[in-house]
C-alpha atoms as a PDB file:
ATOM      1  CA  MET A   1     -62.735 -11.129 -10.027  1.00  0.00           C
ATOM      2  CA  ALA A   2     -65.397 -12.100 -12.550  1.00  0.00           C
ATOM      3  CA  GLU A   3     -68.962 -12.021 -11.231  1.00  0.00           C
ATOM      4  CA  PRO A   4     -70.500 -15.512 -11.661  1.00  0.00           C
ATOM      5  CA  ALA A   5     -73.702 -13.993 -13.005  1.00  0.00           C
ATOM      6  CA  SER A   6     -71.766 -12.567 -15.956  1.00  0.00           C
ATOM      7  CA  VAL A   7     -69.949 -15.814 -16.872  1.00  0.00           C
ATOM      8  CA  GLY A   8     -71.160 -18.657 -19.063  1.00  0.00           C
ATOM      9  CA  VAL A   9     -69.322 -21.831 -20.099  1.00  0.00           C
ATOM     10  CA  ILE A  10     -69.580 -23.898 -23.280  1.00  0.00           C
ATOM     11  CA  SER A  11     -67.833 -27.289 -23.226  1.00  0.00           C
ATOM     12  CA  ASN A  12     -67.348 -29.678 -26.106  1.00  0.00           C
ATOM     13  CA  PRO A  13     -67.462 -33.148 -24.519  1.00  0.00           C
ATOM     14  CA  ALA A  14     -65.894 -34.679 -27.640  1.00  0.00           C
ATOM     15  CA  SER A  15     -62.729 -32.552 -27.442  1.00  0.00           C
ATOM     16  CA  ARG A  16     -59.683 -34.648 -26.589  1.00  0.00           C
ATOM     17  CA  HIS A  17     -58.884 -33.282 -23.135  1.00  0.00           C
ATOM     18  CA  ASN A  18     -62.553 -33.094 -22.137  1.00  0.00           C
ATOM     19  CA  ALA A  19     -63.152 -36.680 -23.250  1.00  0.00           C
ATOM     20  CA  ARG A  20     -60.255 -37.843 -21.067  1.00  0.00           C
ATOM     21  CA  GLY A  21     -61.485 -36.449 -17.775  1.00  0.00           C
ATOM     22  CA  GLY A  22     -61.166 -32.729 -18.407  1.00  0.00           C
ATOM     23  CA  LEU A  23     -64.914 -32.197 -18.549  1.00  0.00           C
ATOM     24  CA  ALA A  24     -65.314 -33.703 -15.085  1.00  0.00           C
ATOM     25  CA  ALA A  25     -62.667 -31.294 -13.781  1.00  0.00           C
ATOM     26  CA  ILE A  26     -64.555 -28.329 -15.275  1.00  0.00           C
ATOM     27  CA  GLU A  27     -67.816 -29.564 -13.759  1.00  0.00           C
ATOM     28  CA  ALA A  28     -66.105 -29.880 -10.362  1.00  0.00           C
ATOM     29  CA  VAL A  29     -65.044 -26.229 -10.493  1.00  0.00           C
ATOM     30  CA  LEU A  30     -68.566 -25.163 -11.449  1.00  0.00           C
ATOM     31  CA  ALA A  31     -70.288 -27.350  -8.849  1.00  0.00           C
ATOM     32  CA  GLY A  32     -70.229 -24.542  -6.318  1.00  0.00           C
ATOM     33  CA  GLN A  33     -71.272 -21.892  -8.830  1.00  0.00           C
ATOM     34  CA  PRO A  34     -74.973 -22.442  -9.589  1.00  0.00           C
ATOM     35  CA  ALA A  35     -75.254 -18.971 -11.142  1.00  0.00           C
ATOM     36  CA  ILE A  36     -72.937 -19.956 -13.993  1.00  0.00           C
ATOM     37  CA  PRO A  37     -74.722 -21.642 -16.904  1.00  0.00           C
ATOM     38  CA  HIS A  38     -72.775 -24.549 -18.416  1.00  0.00           C
ATOM     39  CA  ARG A  39     -73.773 -25.800 -21.841  1.00  0.00           C
ATOM     40  CA  GLN A  40     -72.369 -28.849 -23.603  1.00  0.00           C
ATOM     41  CA  ALA A  41     -72.171 -28.601 -27.396  1.00  0.00           C
ATOM     42  CA  ARG A  42     -70.407 -30.670 -30.045  1.00  0.00           C
ATOM     43  CA  THR A  43     -71.478 -29.351 -33.447  1.00  0.00           C
ATOM     44  CA  PRO A  44     -71.362 -25.809 -34.861  1.00  0.00           C
ATOM     45  CA  GLN A  45     -75.164 -25.716 -34.720  1.00  0.00           C
ATOM     46  CA  GLN A  46     -75.167 -26.723 -31.044  1.00  0.00           C
ATOM     47  CA  ILE A  47     -72.461 -24.161 -30.264  1.00  0.00           C
ATOM     48  CA  GLU A  48     -74.505 -21.448 -31.971  1.00  0.00           C
ATOM     49  CA  ALA A  49     -77.574 -22.438 -29.941  1.00  0.00           C
ATOM     50  CA  ALA A  50     -75.523 -22.418 -26.717  1.00  0.00           C
ATOM     51  CA  LEU A  51     -74.235 -18.910 -27.456  1.00  0.00           C
ATOM     52  CA  ALA A  52     -77.804 -17.715 -28.006  1.00  0.00           C
ATOM     53  CA  GLN A  53     -78.795 -19.164 -24.623  1.00  0.00           C
ATOM     54  CA  LEU A  54     -75.877 -17.448 -22.881  1.00  0.00           C
ATOM     55  CA  ALA A  55     -76.706 -14.146 -24.576  1.00  0.00           C
ATOM     56  CA  ALA A  56     -80.306 -14.424 -23.380  1.00  0.00           C
ATOM     57  CA  ALA A  57     -79.010 -15.056 -19.852  1.00  0.00           C
ATOM     58  CA  GLY A  58     -77.048 -11.777 -19.876  1.00  0.00           C
ATOM     59  CA  THR A  59     -73.594 -13.346 -20.129  1.00  0.00           C
ATOM     60  CA  SER A  60     -70.725 -10.942 -20.817  1.00  0.00           C
ATOM     61  CA  CYS A  61     -67.842 -13.431 -20.512  1.00  0.00           C
ATOM     62  CA  VAL A  62     -67.975 -16.699 -22.465  1.00  0.00           C
ATOM     63  CA  VAL A  63     -65.615 -19.537 -21.559  1.00  0.00           C
ATOM     64  CA  LEU A  64     -64.921 -21.955 -24.424  1.00  0.00           C
ATOM     65  CA  SER A  65     -63.716 -25.360 -23.249  1.00  0.00           C
ATOM     66  CA  GLY A  66     -62.775 -27.277 -26.379  1.00  0.00           C
ATOM     67  CA  GLY A  67     -60.276 -27.518 -29.194  1.00  0.00           C
ATOM     68  CA  ASP A  68     -59.504 -25.215 -32.111  1.00  0.00           C
ATOM     69  CA  GLY A  69     -62.602 -26.413 -33.979  1.00  0.00           C
ATOM     70  CA  THR A  70     -64.818 -25.389 -31.064  1.00  0.00           C
ATOM     71  CA  VAL A  71     -63.225 -21.946 -31.014  1.00  0.00           C
ATOM     72  CA  GLN A  72     -63.701 -21.626 -34.781  1.00  0.00           C
ATOM     73  CA  ALA A  73     -67.406 -22.484 -34.564  1.00  0.00           C
ATOM     74  CA  ALA A  74     -67.955 -19.920 -31.803  1.00  0.00           C
ATOM     75  CA  LEU A  75     -66.018 -17.194 -33.627  1.00  0.00           C
ATOM     76  CA  THR A  76     -67.987 -17.828 -36.825  1.00  0.00           C
ATOM     77  CA  THR A  77     -71.279 -17.272 -35.007  1.00  0.00           C
ATOM     78  CA  LEU A  78     -70.014 -14.244 -33.105  1.00  0.00           C
ATOM     79  CA  SER A  79     -68.502 -12.660 -36.230  1.00  0.00           C
ATOM     80  CA  LEU A  80     -71.405 -13.205 -38.628  1.00  0.00           C
ATOM     81  CA  ARG A  81     -74.612 -13.352 -36.565  1.00  0.00           C
ATOM     82  CA  SER A  82     -73.811 -12.657 -32.941  1.00  0.00           C
ATOM     83  CA  PRO A  83     -76.751 -13.017 -30.550  1.00  0.00           C
ATOM     84  CA  PHE A  84     -75.058 -10.573 -28.132  1.00  0.00           C
ATOM     85  CA  ALA A  85     -75.883  -6.867 -28.103  1.00  0.00           C
ATOM     86  CA  SER A  86     -72.165  -6.259 -27.494  1.00  0.00           C
ATOM     87  CA  GLN A  87     -69.525  -8.893 -28.049  1.00  0.00           C
ATOM     88  CA  PRO A  88     -68.589 -10.867 -24.942  1.00  0.00           C
ATOM     89  CA  THR A  89     -65.080 -11.241 -23.625  1.00  0.00           C
ATOM     90  CA  LEU A  90     -63.789 -14.738 -24.372  1.00  0.00           C
ATOM     91  CA  LEU A  91     -61.661 -17.183 -22.419  1.00  0.00           C
ATOM     92  CA  VAL A  92     -60.345 -20.149 -24.418  1.00  0.00           C
ATOM     93  CA  LEU A  93     -59.465 -23.239 -22.382  1.00  0.00           C
ATOM     94  CA  ALA A  94     -57.015 -25.708 -23.900  1.00  0.00           C
ATOM     95  CA  SER A  95     -59.354 -28.698 -23.876  1.00  0.00           C
ATOM     96  CA  GLY A  96     -58.653 -30.081 -27.354  1.00  0.00           C
ATOM     97  CA  THR A  97     -55.733 -31.798 -29.041  1.00  0.00           C
ATOM     98  CA  THR A  98     -53.500 -29.159 -30.636  1.00  0.00           C
ATOM     99  CA  ASN A  99     -54.937 -26.074 -28.883  1.00  0.00           C
ATOM    100  CA  MET A 100     -53.098 -23.695 -31.205  1.00  0.00           C
ATOM    101  CA  SER A 101     -55.471 -20.813 -30.459  1.00  0.00           C
ATOM    102  CA  ALA A 102     -55.124 -21.228 -26.697  1.00  0.00           C
ATOM    103  CA  TYR A 103     -51.344 -21.301 -27.093  1.00  0.00           C
ATOM    104  CA  ASP A 104     -51.186 -18.029 -29.014  1.00  0.00           C
ATOM    105  CA  LEU A 105     -53.691 -16.368 -26.691  1.00  0.00           C
ATOM    106  CA  GLY A 106     -51.653 -17.389 -23.646  1.00  0.00           C
ATOM    107  CA  SER A 107     -54.411 -19.499 -22.083  1.00  0.00           C
ATOM    108  CA  HIS A 108     -52.882 -22.947 -22.618  1.00  0.00           C
ATOM    109  CA  GLY A 109     -52.491 -23.938 -18.961  1.00  0.00           C
ATOM    110  CA  ARG A 110     -54.630 -26.547 -17.222  1.00  0.00           C
ATOM    111  CA  PRO A 111     -58.244 -25.641 -18.053  1.00  0.00           C
ATOM    112  CA  GLU A 112     -59.692 -26.105 -14.567  1.00  0.00           C
ATOM    113  CA  ARG A 113     -56.964 -23.956 -12.990  1.00  0.00           C
ATOM    114  CA  LEU A 114     -57.540 -21.166 -15.478  1.00  0.00           C
ATOM    115  CA  LEU A 115     -61.279 -21.320 -14.863  1.00  0.00           C
ATOM    116  CA  ARG A 116     -60.680 -21.012 -11.106  1.00  0.00           C
ATOM    117  CA  ARG A 117     -58.420 -18.048 -11.748  1.00  0.00           C
ATOM    118  CA  LEU A 118     -61.172 -16.382 -13.771  1.00  0.00           C
ATOM    119  CA  LEU A 119     -63.556 -16.767 -10.844  1.00  0.00           C
ATOM    120  CA  THR A 120     -61.166 -15.840  -8.057  1.00  0.00           C
ATOM    121  CA  GLY A 121     -58.480 -13.625  -9.551  1.00  0.00           C
ATOM    122  CA  ARG A 122     -57.644 -11.175 -12.273  1.00  0.00           C
ATOM    123  CA  LEU A 123     -56.835 -12.003 -15.852  1.00  0.00           C
ATOM    124  CA  ALA A 124     -55.268  -9.764 -18.456  1.00  0.00           C
ATOM    125  CA  VAL A 125     -56.883  -8.955 -21.797  1.00  0.00           C
ATOM    126  CA  THR A 126     -55.330  -9.542 -25.205  1.00  0.00           C
ATOM    127  CA  ARG A 127     -56.988  -8.779 -28.524  1.00  0.00           C
ATOM    128  CA  ARG A 128     -56.962 -10.653 -31.834  1.00  0.00           C
ATOM    129  CA  ARG A 129     -58.649 -10.194 -35.190  1.00  0.00           C
ATOM    130  CA  VAL A 130     -60.026 -13.314 -36.808  1.00  0.00           C
ATOM    131  CA  LEU A 131     -59.699 -14.613 -40.355  1.00  0.00           C
ATOM    132  CA  CYS A 132     -62.850 -14.754 -42.456  1.00  0.00           C
ATOM    133  CA  VAL A 133     -62.773 -17.355 -45.246  1.00  0.00           C
ATOM    134  CA  ARG A 134     -65.509 -16.816 -47.842  1.00  0.00           C
ATOM    135  CA  GLU A 135     -66.262 -19.447 -50.451  1.00  0.00           C
ATOM    136  CA  ALA A 136     -67.706 -18.695 -53.890  1.00  0.00           C
ATOM    137  CA  ASP A 137     -71.262 -19.532 -52.779  1.00  0.00           C
ATOM    138  CA  GLY A 138     -71.035 -17.086 -49.874  1.00  0.00           C
ATOM    139  CA  THR A 139     -70.378 -19.684 -47.173  1.00  0.00           C
ATOM    140  CA  THR A 140     -68.147 -17.966 -44.621  1.00  0.00           C
ATOM    141  CA  ARG A 141     -66.175 -19.348 -41.696  1.00  0.00           C
ATOM    142  CA  CYS A 142     -64.097 -17.442 -39.179  1.00  0.00           C
ATOM    143  CA  GLY A 143     -61.065 -18.657 -37.288  1.00  0.00           C
ATOM    144  CA  PHE A 144     -57.354 -18.128 -36.836  1.00  0.00           C
ATOM    145  CA  PHE A 145     -55.241 -20.585 -38.836  1.00  0.00           C
ATOM    146  CA  PHE A 146     -55.767 -21.431 -42.528  1.00  0.00           C
ATOM    147  CA  THR A 147     -53.813 -23.974 -44.581  1.00  0.00           C
ATOM    148  CA  ALA A 148     -53.891 -25.029 -48.235  1.00  0.00           C
ATOM    149  CA  GLY A 149     -51.607 -26.753 -50.727  1.00  0.00           C
ATOM    150  CA  GLY A 150     -50.242 -30.173 -49.825  1.00  0.00           C
ATOM    151  CA  LEU A 151     -50.276 -29.673 -46.049  1.00  0.00           C
ATOM    152  CA  PRO A 152     -53.991 -30.360 -45.350  1.00  0.00           C
ATOM    153  CA  GLN A 153     -53.761 -33.651 -47.255  1.00  0.00           C
ATOM    154  CA  ALA A 154     -50.600 -34.534 -45.331  1.00  0.00           C
ATOM    155  CA  VAL A 155     -52.468 -33.984 -42.058  1.00  0.00           C
ATOM    156  CA  ARG A 156     -55.266 -36.236 -43.297  1.00  0.00           C
ATOM    157  CA  ASP A 157     -52.666 -38.864 -44.225  1.00  0.00           C
ATOM    158  CA  CYS A 158     -51.251 -38.678 -40.702  1.00  0.00           C
ATOM    159  CA  ARG A 159     -54.696 -39.209 -39.192  1.00  0.00           C
ATOM    160  CA  ALA A 160     -55.301 -42.196 -41.477  1.00  0.00           C
ATOM    161  CA  PHE A 161     -51.908 -43.650 -40.501  1.00  0.00           C
ATOM    162  CA  ARG A 162     -52.848 -43.460 -36.826  1.00  0.00           C
ATOM    163  CA  GLU A 163     -56.358 -44.801 -37.252  1.00  0.00           C
ATOM    164  CA  THR A 164     -55.354 -47.794 -39.375  1.00  0.00           C
ATOM    165  CA  SER A 165     -52.306 -48.827 -37.363  1.00  0.00           C
ATOM    166  CA  ALA A 166     -52.576 -52.176 -35.598  1.00  0.00           C
ATOM    167  CA  LEU A 167     -49.608 -51.465 -33.316  1.00  0.00           C
ATOM    168  CA  PRO A 168     -50.235 -50.628 -29.637  1.00  0.00           C
ATOM    169  CA  GLY A 169     -50.226 -46.929 -28.794  1.00  0.00           C
ATOM    170  CA  MET A 170     -50.050 -45.759 -32.398  1.00  0.00           C
ATOM    171  CA  ARG A 171     -53.484 -44.135 -32.449  1.00  0.00           C
ATOM    172  CA  GLY A 172     -52.354 -41.175 -30.352  1.00  0.00           C
ATOM    173  CA  ALA A 173     -49.273 -39.000 -29.962  1.00  0.00           C
ATOM    174  CA  LEU A 174     -46.905 -41.892 -30.651  1.00  0.00           C
ATOM    175  CA  GLY A 175     -48.499 -42.481 -34.053  1.00  0.00           C
ATOM    176  CA  THR A 176     -48.232 -38.792 -34.895  1.00  0.00           C
ATOM    177  CA  ALA A 177     -44.572 -38.732 -33.867  1.00  0.00           C
ATOM    178  CA  THR A 178     -43.860 -41.836 -35.928  1.00  0.00           C
ATOM    179  CA  TRP A 179     -45.509 -40.382 -39.029  1.00  0.00           C
ATOM    180  CA  ILE A 180     -43.674 -37.065 -38.637  1.00  0.00           C
ATOM    181  CA  GLY A 181     -40.420 -38.963 -38.148  1.00  0.00           C
ATOM    182  CA  GLY A 182     -40.935 -40.647 -41.493  1.00  0.00           C
ATOM    183  CA  ARG A 183     -41.543 -37.285 -43.194  1.00  0.00           C
ATOM    184  CA  LEU A 184     -38.367 -35.887 -41.633  1.00  0.00           C
ATOM    185  CA  LEU A 185     -36.355 -38.824 -42.956  1.00  0.00           C
ATOM    186  CA  ARG A 186     -37.667 -38.074 -46.428  1.00  0.00           C
ATOM    187  CA  LEU A 187     -36.685 -34.440 -45.969  1.00  0.00           C
ATOM    188  CA  LEU A 188     -33.166 -35.310 -44.809  1.00  0.00           C
ATOM    189  CA  ALA A 189     -32.809 -37.566 -47.841  1.00  0.00           C
ATOM    190  CA  GLY A 190     -33.457 -34.573 -50.101  1.00  0.00           C
ATOM    191  CA  ARG A 191     -37.049 -35.511 -50.944  1.00  0.00           C
ATOM    192  CA  GLU A 192     -40.251 -33.586 -50.402  1.00  0.00           C
ATOM    193  CA  PRO A 193     -41.758 -34.496 -47.010  1.00  0.00           C
ATOM    194  CA  PHE A 194     -45.215 -34.760 -48.612  1.00  0.00           C
ATOM    195  CA  GLY A 195     -46.824 -34.008 -51.946  1.00  0.00           C
ATOM    196  CA  ALA A 196     -47.423 -30.562 -53.412  1.00  0.00           C
ATOM    197  CA  LEU A 197     -50.728 -29.405 -54.938  1.00  0.00           C
ATOM    198  CA  PRO A 198     -51.363 -26.628 -57.473  1.00  0.00           C
ATOM    199  CA  ILE A 199     -52.770 -23.366 -56.184  1.00  0.00           C
ATOM    200  CA  SER A 200     -53.199 -19.853 -57.521  1.00  0.00           C
ATOM    201  CA  TYR A 201     -53.262 -16.925 -55.152  1.00  0.00           C
ATOM    202  CA  ARG A 202     -53.285 -13.147 -55.182  1.00  0.00           C
ATOM    203  CA  PRO A 203     -52.207 -11.187 -52.117  1.00  0.00           C
ATOM    204  CA  ASP A 204     -53.972  -7.802 -51.998  1.00  0.00           C
ATOM    205  CA  ALA A 205     -53.823  -6.119 -55.431  1.00  0.00           C
ATOM    206  CA  GLU A 206     -50.700  -7.933 -56.640  1.00  0.00           C
ATOM    207  CA  PRO A 207     -50.698 -10.134 -59.754  1.00  0.00           C
ATOM    208  CA  VAL A 208     -51.952 -13.711 -59.513  1.00  0.00           C
ATOM    209  CA  ARG A 209     -49.272 -16.256 -58.627  1.00  0.00           C
ATOM    210  CA  ARG A 210     -49.473 -19.933 -59.567  1.00  0.00           C
ATOM    211  CA  CYS A 211     -47.353 -22.642 -58.029  1.00  0.00           C
ATOM    212  CA  GLU A 212     -47.138 -26.231 -56.843  1.00  0.00           C
ATOM    213  CA  ALA A 213     -47.475 -25.579 -53.119  1.00  0.00           C
ATOM    214  CA  LEU A 214     -46.265 -27.813 -50.339  1.00  0.00           C
ATOM    215  CA  LEU A 215     -48.071 -25.452 -48.025  1.00  0.00           C
ATOM    216  CA  LEU A 216     -49.767 -22.109 -47.784  1.00  0.00           C
ATOM    217  CA  LEU A 217     -50.310 -20.781 -44.272  1.00  0.00           C
ATOM    218  CA  ALA A 218     -52.435 -17.750 -43.413  1.00  0.00           C
ATOM    219  CA  SER A 219     -53.068 -16.570 -39.874  1.00  0.00           C
ATOM    220  CA  THR A 220     -53.681 -13.645 -37.562  1.00  0.00           C
ATOM    221  CA  HIS A 221     -51.871 -15.566 -34.813  1.00  0.00           C
ATOM    222  CA  GLN A 222     -48.670 -14.007 -33.541  1.00  0.00           C
ATOM    223  CA  ARG A 223     -47.136 -17.429 -32.913  1.00  0.00           C
ATOM    224  CA  LEU A 224     -47.996 -21.075 -33.438  1.00  0.00           C
ATOM    225  CA  ALA A 225     -47.580 -24.056 -31.136  1.00  0.00           C
ATOM    226  CA  LEU A 226     -44.059 -24.531 -29.747  1.00  0.00           C
ATOM    227  CA  GLY A 227     -43.464 -20.803 -30.238  1.00  0.00           C
ATOM    228  CA  LEU A 228     -43.044 -21.106 -34.012  1.00  0.00           C
ATOM    229  CA  ARG A 229     -43.267 -17.893 -36.036  1.00  0.00           C
ATOM    230  CA  PRO A 230     -42.994 -18.859 -39.730  1.00  0.00           C
ATOM    231  CA  TRP A 231     -43.558 -15.329 -41.032  1.00  0.00           C
ATOM    232  CA  TRP A 232     -40.912 -12.937 -42.294  1.00  0.00           C
ATOM    233  CA  GLY A 233     -42.096 -10.957 -45.299  1.00  0.00           C
ATOM    234  CA  ALA A 234     -42.836  -7.283 -45.763  1.00  0.00           C
ATOM    235  CA  GLY A 235     -46.274  -5.685 -45.600  1.00  0.00           C
ATOM    236  CA  SER A 236     -48.512  -4.016 -43.061  1.00  0.00           C
ATOM    237  CA  GLY A 237     -51.703  -6.105 -43.280  1.00  0.00           C
ATOM    238  CA  PRO A 238     -53.109  -8.060 -40.330  1.00  0.00           C
ATOM    239  CA  ILE A 239     -52.864 -11.451 -42.098  1.00  0.00           C
ATOM    240  CA  ARG A 240     -49.519 -13.202 -42.260  1.00  0.00           C
ATOM    241  CA  ILE A 241     -49.114 -15.647 -45.135  1.00  0.00           C
ATOM    242  CA  THR A 242     -46.262 -17.992 -45.980  1.00  0.00           C
ATOM    243  CA  VAL A 243     -45.975 -20.156 -49.095  1.00  0.00           C
ATOM    244  CA  ILE A 244     -43.446 -22.934 -49.651  1.00  0.00           C
ATOM    245  CA  SER A 245     -43.608 -24.260 -53.201  1.00  0.00           C
ATOM    246  CA  ARG A 246     -41.582 -26.188 -55.694  1.00  0.00           C
ATOM    247  CA  PRO A 247     -38.644 -26.179 -56.191  1.00  0.00           C
ATOM    248  CA  ALA A 248     -38.326 -25.537 -52.398  1.00  0.00           C
ATOM    249  CA  ARG A 249     -34.555 -25.710 -52.765  1.00  0.00           C
ATOM    250  CA  ARG A 250     -32.533 -27.000 -49.799  1.00  0.00           C
ATOM    251  CA  LEU A 251     -35.669 -27.277 -47.692  1.00  0.00           C
ATOM    252  CA  ALA A 252     -34.028 -29.310 -44.920  1.00  0.00           C
ATOM    253  CA  ARG A 253     -31.432 -26.593 -44.437  1.00  0.00           C
ATOM    254  CA  ALA A 254     -33.942 -23.742 -44.740  1.00  0.00           C
ATOM    255  CA  LEU A 255     -36.605 -25.157 -42.426  1.00  0.00           C
ATOM    256  CA  PRO A 256     -35.103 -24.283 -38.987  1.00  0.00           C
ATOM    257  CA  GLY A 257     -34.775 -20.630 -39.981  1.00  0.00           C
ATOM    258  CA  LEU A 258     -38.174 -20.544 -41.692  1.00  0.00           C
ATOM    259  CA  LEU A 259     -39.927 -21.766 -38.541  1.00  0.00           C
ATOM    260  CA  ARG A 260     -38.345 -18.908 -36.564  1.00  0.00           C
ATOM    261  CA  GLY A 261     -39.118 -16.276 -39.175  1.00  0.00           C
ATOM    262  CA  ARG A 262     -35.423 -15.979 -40.074  1.00  0.00           C
ATOM    263  CA  PRO A 263     -34.953 -17.663 -43.442  1.00  0.00           C
ATOM    264  CA  PRO A 264     -31.439 -18.117 -44.810  1.00  0.00           C
ATOM    265  CA  ALA A 265     -30.408 -15.834 -47.642  1.00  0.00           C
ATOM    266  CA  PHE A 266     -31.005 -18.470 -50.315  1.00  0.00           C
ATOM    267  CA  ALA A 267     -34.654 -18.981 -49.260  1.00  0.00           C
ATOM    268  CA  ASN A 268     -36.130 -16.423 -51.628  1.00  0.00           C
ATOM    269  CA  ALA A 269     -39.083 -16.418 -54.031  1.00  0.00           C
ATOM    270  CA  ALA A 270     -37.067 -17.997 -56.836  1.00  0.00           C
ATOM    271  CA  ALA A 271     -36.183 -20.888 -54.536  1.00  0.00           C
ATOM    272  CA  GLY A 272     -39.847 -21.404 -53.557  1.00  0.00           C
ATOM    273  CA  TYR A 273     -40.151 -19.386 -50.327  1.00  0.00           C
ATOM    274  CA  GLN A 274     -42.464 -16.386 -49.922  1.00  0.00           C
ATOM    275  CA  SER A 275     -43.969 -14.579 -46.954  1.00  0.00           C
ATOM    276  CA  HIS A 276     -46.129 -11.453 -46.753  1.00  0.00           C
ATOM    277  CA  ALA A 277     -48.334  -9.466 -44.397  1.00  0.00           C
ATOM    278  CA  VAL A 278     -51.537  -8.718 -46.310  1.00  0.00           C
ATOM    279  CA  SER A 279     -55.078  -7.432 -45.890  1.00  0.00           C
ATOM    280  CA  THR A 280     -56.815  -9.767 -48.349  1.00  0.00           C
ATOM    281  CA  LEU A 281     -55.905 -13.035 -50.031  1.00  0.00           C
ATOM    282  CA  HIS A 282     -57.689 -14.446 -53.099  1.00  0.00           C
ATOM    283  CA  LEU A 283     -56.957 -18.146 -53.447  1.00  0.00           C
ATOM    284  CA  THR A 284     -57.945 -21.057 -55.672  1.00  0.00           C
ATOM    285  CA  PRO A 285     -56.714 -24.234 -53.969  1.00  0.00           C
ATOM    286  CA  THR A 286     -56.608 -27.835 -55.105  1.00  0.00           C
ATOM    287  CA  GLY A 287     -57.654 -30.479 -52.600  1.00  0.00           C
ATOM    288  CA  GLY A 288     -59.661 -28.244 -50.301  1.00  0.00           C
ATOM    289  CA  TYR A 289     -58.405 -26.284 -47.325  1.00  0.00           C
ATOM    290  CA  ALA A 290     -58.320 -26.473 -43.545  1.00  0.00           C
ATOM    291  CA  LEU A 291     -59.317 -23.828 -41.009  1.00  0.00           C
ATOM    292  CA  ASP A 292     -58.246 -24.439 -37.421  1.00  0.00           C
ATOM    293  CA  GLY A 293     -57.786 -28.132 -38.176  1.00  0.00           C
ATOM    294  CA  GLU A 294     -61.222 -28.637 -39.767  1.00  0.00           C
ATOM    295  CA  ASP A 295     -61.273 -29.764 -43.427  1.00  0.00           C
ATOM    296  CA  TYR A 296     -63.449 -28.172 -46.106  1.00  0.00           C
ATOM    297  CA  PHE A 297     -63.858 -29.028 -49.774  1.00  0.00           C
ATOM    298  CA  PRO A 298     -65.435 -26.300 -51.928  1.00  0.00           C
ATOM    299  CA  PRO A 299     -66.102 -27.065 -55.609  1.00  0.00           C
ATOM    300  CA  ALA A 300     -62.913 -27.641 -57.585  1.00  0.00           C
ATOM    301  CA  GLY A 301     -61.610 -24.483 -59.234  1.00  0.00           C
ATOM    302  CA  SER A 302     -63.653 -22.093 -57.111  1.00  0.00           C
ATOM    303  CA  GLU A 303     -62.020 -19.071 -55.519  1.00  0.00           C
ATOM    304  CA  LEU A 304     -61.800 -18.303 -51.817  1.00  0.00           C
ATOM    305  CA  VAL A 305     -61.406 -14.863 -50.297  1.00  0.00           C
ATOM    306  CA  VAL A 306     -59.530 -14.650 -47.009  1.00  0.00           C
ATOM    307  CA  ASP A 307     -59.629 -11.343 -45.173  1.00  0.00           C
ATOM    308  CA  ALA A 308     -59.518 -10.007 -41.644  1.00  0.00           C
ATOM    309  CA  GLY A 309     -62.711 -10.079 -39.607  1.00  0.00           C
ATOM    310  CA  PRO A 310     -63.634  -8.402 -36.330  1.00  0.00           C
ATOM    311  CA  GLU A 311     -61.392  -8.075 -33.308  1.00  0.00           C
ATOM    312  CA  PHE A 312     -62.248  -9.888 -30.071  1.00  0.00           C
ATOM    313  CA  ALA A 313     -61.065  -9.488 -26.498  1.00  0.00           C
ATOM    314  CA  PHE A 314     -59.613 -12.647 -24.924  1.00  0.00           C
ATOM    315  CA  LEU A 315     -58.641 -13.264 -21.340  1.00  0.00           C
ATOM    316  CA  ARG A 316     -55.249 -14.687 -20.372  1.00  0.00           C
ATOM    317  CA  PRO A 317     -53.172 -15.030 -17.178  1.00  0.00           C
END
């Protein structure tokens, strides 16, 4: 059982689940625990300030109640300028929209139930290294799931589709499902589901590769939402990367196997399918990149370096 005096909670009230009543449920659990500090924080700056307050209070277990962006902001602070003398154990509550990090870490149950279990029962520990994404000017962010190529723009297009729809119910999950359905129809018709963008990338010390990429994924996650594992290549590094680029031959047929890490025999590099496990990735994207669902736009033509950052201990049932 966790001692209340060692626990601190940071909640993002703007995260999807929290904004729809989840924050009240967290507050109800904490109502009888006056020794547990609870800080609300929306922005990376506020999250950094909240972590400093918890460190000053002697917290050794930090509960993060928010989405993937909240987790990314906390990991960036803890990786680059931690206010803690020794890194705290972390518990990620699935209080956002996609909650990909909580899913991989095994903490994607109802947030208030998991918080009660922390306070009244035993949780196991799992460990993960984070990704560190360094831009040319030295700006560095740390998280778990990086995307480049056409995929980040496709996600932005999906958001715009939802937000501009005048039809009832289309601004939430129904709108997302409708947009994805349209992309799948394009795929089944033999067309690209969304546009490709030029990138150049260099895994470890290999030669630079240039392509028109539908997507580039890089992650230290073991699995994505829905249990997807789109990694299959050789290598021993902690970062798994997958690139799907033009010509992306027979993509509709290849996709089910790709998502399970079992590509069909024809899905090779010549056909536009590559996957590796690397230690460092140098990348020059077009159209920016996304880290844990947050969009960033470094100067056009500038190079990013993606490598593995520190390892953290996370709690899970």
